[in-house]
Amino acid sequence: MPNHDPQCPLCSGAGGEVLARDARLRVVLADDPQHPAFLRVIWAAHVAETGDLSAPDRDHLMRVVFELERALVALLSPDKINLASLGNVVPHVHWHVIGRWRDDATFPGSVWSAPADRDPALAAARAARIREGLPTLKAGVRARLAALGLSEFR
């Protein structure tokens, strides 16, 4: 693959459970026990900044990011969606699309924040309920991406 960095974890690994992919990107479900509604959109080539992509590639990437946002809202009814493209630790274009609830472990902070001062049983119960619905989420994400007309997704 062009622009592949063997030292980059997103070039050398999936970055989560692959739900869909095409020639330019993949959508994965991150393995985050505290935040089970955590999706990533990972660009296939090793590129550090979204702005380094061509306009058609940026449009494709953001269409997928925004469709995942809509899918999480429709399928899980979170209190909020977090969209983030940081790349401080892994400088490879990837977007986080994360369903958030007021009773999750770190709300209202980021998913990387220290746990909030609340009953951890509430957050654990919410995470367990979301994990029970992950098969529906996975199927829904795949269906919504296919409905975008992105025939390359499988």
Foldseek 3Di string as FASTA:
>chain_A
DPQADPVFCVQVHVQAQWLKDFPFWTKHQHPDLLFRQKIKIFTNHFDQDLVVDDPVSNVVSVVLLVLSLVLCCVQPVAPDWDWDFDCPVGRGGMIITGGHHCPGQPPPDDPPDHGDPDDNVSSNVVSVVVVVCVVVSSVSSQVSVVVVVPVRMD
